[in-house]
Protein backbone atom coordinates (compact mmCIF):
# COMPACT_ATOMS: atom_id res chain seq x y z
CA UNK A 1 101.43 134.70 13.53
CA UNK A 2 101.38 131.09 14.58
CA UNK A 3 104.92 130.50 13.29
CA UNK A 4 106.39 132.92 15.79
CA UNK A 5 104.41 131.35 18.61
CA UNK A 6 105.73 127.93 17.62
CA UNK A 7 109.30 129.26 17.53
CA UNK A 8 108.76 130.84 20.92
CA UNK A 9 107.52 127.53 22.23
CA UNK A 10 110.72 125.93 20.93
CA UNK A 11 112.75 128.39 22.99
CA UNK A 12 110.66 127.56 26.06
CA UNK A 13 111.18 123.87 25.36
CA UNK A 14 114.94 124.36 25.44
CA UNK A 15 114.62 126.21 28.74
CA UNK A 16 112.48 123.48 30.28
CA UNK A 17 114.86 120.83 28.97
CA UNK A 18 117.68 122.38 30.97
CA UNK A 19 115.58 121.68 34.02
CA UNK A 20 116.55 124.18 36.74
CA UNK A 21 113.85 125.96 38.74
CA UNK A 22 115.95 127.82 41.29
CA UNK A 23 115.95 131.47 42.26
CA UNK A 24 119.11 133.51 42.00
CA UNK A 25 121.15 133.91 45.14
CA UNK A 26 121.07 137.34 46.72
CA UNK A 27 124.37 136.71 48.51
CA UNK A 28 127.53 138.76 48.35
CA UNK A 29 130.23 138.59 45.72
CA UNK A 30 132.55 135.60 46.30
CA UNK A 31 134.56 136.08 43.09
CA UNK A 32 137.90 134.33 43.44
CA UNK A 33 137.11 133.23 47.01
CA UNK A 34 136.71 129.73 48.37
CA UNK A 35 133.25 128.97 49.75
CA UNK A 36 131.55 125.90 51.17
CA UNK A 37 130.62 123.46 48.43
CA UNK A 38 126.92 123.54 49.35
CA UNK A 39 126.87 127.34 49.26
CA UNK A 40 128.60 127.34 45.88
CA UNK A 41 126.19 124.76 44.45
CA UNK A 42 123.14 126.70 45.67
CA UNK A 43 124.46 129.93 44.15
CA UNK A 44 125.40 128.26 40.87
CA UNK A 45 122.05 126.54 40.42
CA UNK A 46 120.23 129.69 41.52
CA UNK A 47 122.13 131.63 38.88
CA UNK A 48 121.18 129.17 36.14
CA UNK A 49 117.55 129.30 37.27
CA UNK A 50 117.50 133.10 37.13
CA UNK A 51 119.06 133.06 33.67
CA UNK A 52 116.45 130.59 32.45
CA UNK A 53 113.75 132.87 33.84
CA UNK A 54 115.10 135.74 31.77
CA UNK A 55 115.11 133.58 28.65
CA UNK A 56 111.50 132.65 29.31
CA UNK A 57 110.59 136.34 29.59
CA UNK A 58 112.20 136.95 26.21
CA UNK A 59 110.25 134.05 24.74
CA UNK A 60 107.01 135.49 26.13
CA UNK A 61 107.78 138.91 24.68
CA UNK A 62 108.33 137.35 21.26
CA UNK A 63 105.09 135.41 21.53
CA UNK A 64 103.06 138.50 22.47
CA UNK A 65 104.76 140.94 20.11
CA UNK A 66 102.35 143.24 18.21
CA UNK A 67 103.30 142.08 14.72
CA UNK A 68 102.77 138.48 15.75
CA UNK A 69 99.10 139.26 16.36
CA UNK A 70 98.31 141.09 13.14
CA UNK A 71 98.15 140.06 9.53
CA UNK A 72 101.07 140.80 7.29
CA UNK A 73 100.24 143.45 4.69
CA UNK A 74 102.72 141.85 2.31
CA UNK A 75 105.23 144.67 2.34
CA UNK A 76 108.93 144.19 3.01
CA UNK A 77 108.58 146.31 6.13
CA UNK A 78 106.88 143.38 7.82
CA UNK A 79 109.87 141.07 7.46
CA UNK A 80 112.33 143.85 8.33
CA UNK A 81 110.33 144.69 11.46
CA UNK A 82 110.44 141.03 12.45
CA UNK A 83 114.22 140.90 12.02
CA UNK A 84 114.60 143.99 14.24
CA UNK A 85 112.50 142.25 16.91
CA UNK A 86 114.44 138.98 16.61
CA UNK A 87 117.76 140.86 16.72
CA UNK A 88 116.58 142.62 19.86
CA UNK A 89 115.62 139.31 21.44
CA UNK A 90 119.03 137.80 20.70
CA UNK A 91 120.72 140.89 22.11
CA UNK A 92 118.71 140.39 25.31
CA UNK A 93 119.73 136.72 25.41
CA UNK A 94 123.38 137.74 25.15
CA UNK A 95 123.02 140.38 27.88
CA UNK A 96 121.26 137.89 30.15
CA UNK A 97 124.06 135.41 29.55
CA UNK A 98 126.70 138.01 30.38
CA UNK A 99 125.01 139.78 33.29
CA UNK A 100 123.28 136.83 34.95
CA UNK A 101 124.87 133.54 33.91
CA UNK A 102 128.52 134.49 33.51
CA UNK A 103 128.55 137.08 36.28
CA UNK A 104 126.58 134.84 38.64
CA UNK A 105 128.90 131.87 38.14
CA UNK A 106 131.89 134.14 38.80
CA UNK A 107 130.31 135.62 41.94
CA UNK A 108 129.54 132.13 43.26
CA UNK A 109 133.26 131.72 43.94
CA UNK A 110 135.14 128.44 44.14
CA UNK A 111 134.05 125.42 46.18
CA UNK A 112 136.53 124.66 48.97
CA UNK A 113 137.20 121.11 47.83
CA UNK A 114 140.19 119.33 46.33
CA UNK A 115 139.12 119.96 42.74
CA UNK A 116 136.73 122.84 43.36
CA UNK A 117 138.61 125.27 41.15
CA UNK A 118 138.41 122.86 38.23
CA UNK A 119 134.70 122.25 38.76
CA UNK A 120 133.95 125.98 38.87
CA UNK A 121 136.04 126.54 35.72
CA UNK A 122 134.04 123.90 33.83
CA UNK A 123 130.79 125.76 34.43
CA UNK A 124 132.29 129.16 33.65
CA UNK A 125 133.64 127.77 30.38
CA UNK A 126 130.14 126.53 29.53
CA UNK A 127 128.71 130.02 30.15
CA UNK A 128 131.40 131.58 27.95
CA UNK A 129 130.64 129.08 25.18
CA UNK A 130 126.92 129.88 25.47
CA UNK A 131 127.62 133.57 24.89
CA UNK A 132 129.83 132.68 21.92
CA UNK A 133 127.12 130.45 20.42
CA UNK A 134 124.54 133.24 20.69
CA UNK A 135 126.88 135.77 19.08
CA UNK A 136 127.53 133.39 16.20
CA UNK A 137 123.76 132.86 15.87
CA UNK A 138 123.17 136.60 15.71
CA UNK A 139 125.66 136.83 12.85
CA UNK A 140 123.51 134.42 10.84
CA UNK A 141 120.36 136.55 11.07
CA UNK A 142 119.57 138.06 7.67
CA UNK A 143 119.33 141.83 7.93
CA UNK A 144 117.44 142.27 4.65
CA UNK A 145 115.00 139.35 4.38
CA UNK A 146 113.08 139.07 1.15
CA UNK A 147 109.99 137.49 2.70
CA UNK A 148 108.20 136.99 5.99
CA UNK A 149 109.10 133.27 5.97
CA UNK A 150 112.76 134.18 5.53
CA UNK A 151 112.47 136.56 8.46
CA UNK A 152 111.00 133.81 10.62
CA UNK A 153 113.87 131.54 9.59
CA UNK A 154 116.08 133.97 11.51
CA UNK A 155 114.79 132.37 14.69
CA UNK A 156 116.46 129.08 13.83
CA UNK A 157 120.08 130.02 14.72
CA UNK A 158 119.32 131.39 18.23
CA UNK A 159 117.02 128.45 19.02
CA UNK A 160 119.75 126.07 17.86
CA UNK A 161 122.29 127.96 19.98
CA UNK A 162 120.14 127.52 23.08
CA UNK A 163 119.60 123.86 22.30
CA UNK A 164 123.37 123.42 22.03
CA UNK A 165 123.79 125.27 25.32
CA UNK A 166 121.31 122.91 26.98
CA UNK A 167 123.31 119.87 25.90
CA UNK A 168 126.62 121.47 26.84
CA UNK A 169 125.22 122.62 30.19
CA UNK A 170 124.11 119.14 31.16
CA UNK A 171 127.52 117.80 30.17
CA UNK A 172 129.30 120.55 32.13
CA UNK A 173 127.39 119.87 35.35
CA UNK A 174 127.96 116.13 34.95
CA UNK A 175 131.69 116.69 34.34
CA UNK A 176 132.00 119.02 37.35
CA UNK A 177 130.25 116.49 39.58
CA UNK A 178 132.48 113.67 38.34
CA UNK A 179 135.64 115.72 38.86
CA UNK A 180 135.06 116.23 42.58
CA UNK A 181 132.95 113.97 44.77
CA UNK A 182 132.21 116.76 47.27
CA UNK A 183 131.02 118.99 44.47
CA UNK A 184 128.93 116.10 43.15
CA UNK A 185 127.31 115.68 46.56
CA UNK A 186 126.63 119.42 46.82
CA UNK A 187 124.94 119.39 43.43
CA UNK A 188 122.28 117.05 44.81
CA UNK A 189 120.88 119.90 46.93
CA UNK A 190 117.28 121.02 46.53
CA UNK A 191 118.29 123.85 44.18
CA UNK A 192 120.14 121.47 41.87
CA UNK A 193 118.16 118.24 42.18
CA UNK A 194 116.01 118.70 39.08
CA UNK A 195 119.04 119.63 37.01
CA UNK A 196 120.79 116.38 37.94
CA UNK A 197 117.61 114.40 37.25
CA UNK A 198 117.51 115.81 33.71
CA UNK A 199 121.11 114.77 33.16
CA UNK A 200 120.49 111.15 34.18
């Protein structure tokens, strides 16, 4: 159905809006450790890029889902099947946020600068808030929709949650950069450059 494709495109739009195109760092776990500011920034932006990639995969799966390509037969099973699929997609968004975004920001460590701990905490708080927003969105998904259009409306809360996360993420990176000049300089690296451009 075209509606699902449009909703999927909205999710992709949120991802693109956040503006990071980095690959996740394959480095070791620096949780709780101080690391060079440039290393921290590369790992942080790589983490966000990997998380965005997972969200894009979820969007693609929604767009190519079997029931999106066939006509509704008008039975309630259609809308219930759609809710199951949407619920599954939101569950995957939450897992990606936990396993990639939150875990990756923790493993990036703490930049060895005067206010590095504060800067790292700002981004971790953003990741925690993103998970919270997605969980709240999942709670608003109707489990027993009465129509296909009502089932599709279930996409609105998670899309809104990601849009909120995009705004909050830009603000978090800007706040972290303003808190510590060395962190701000590190966030101009190649991995983070596009993110900062989107925040301008």
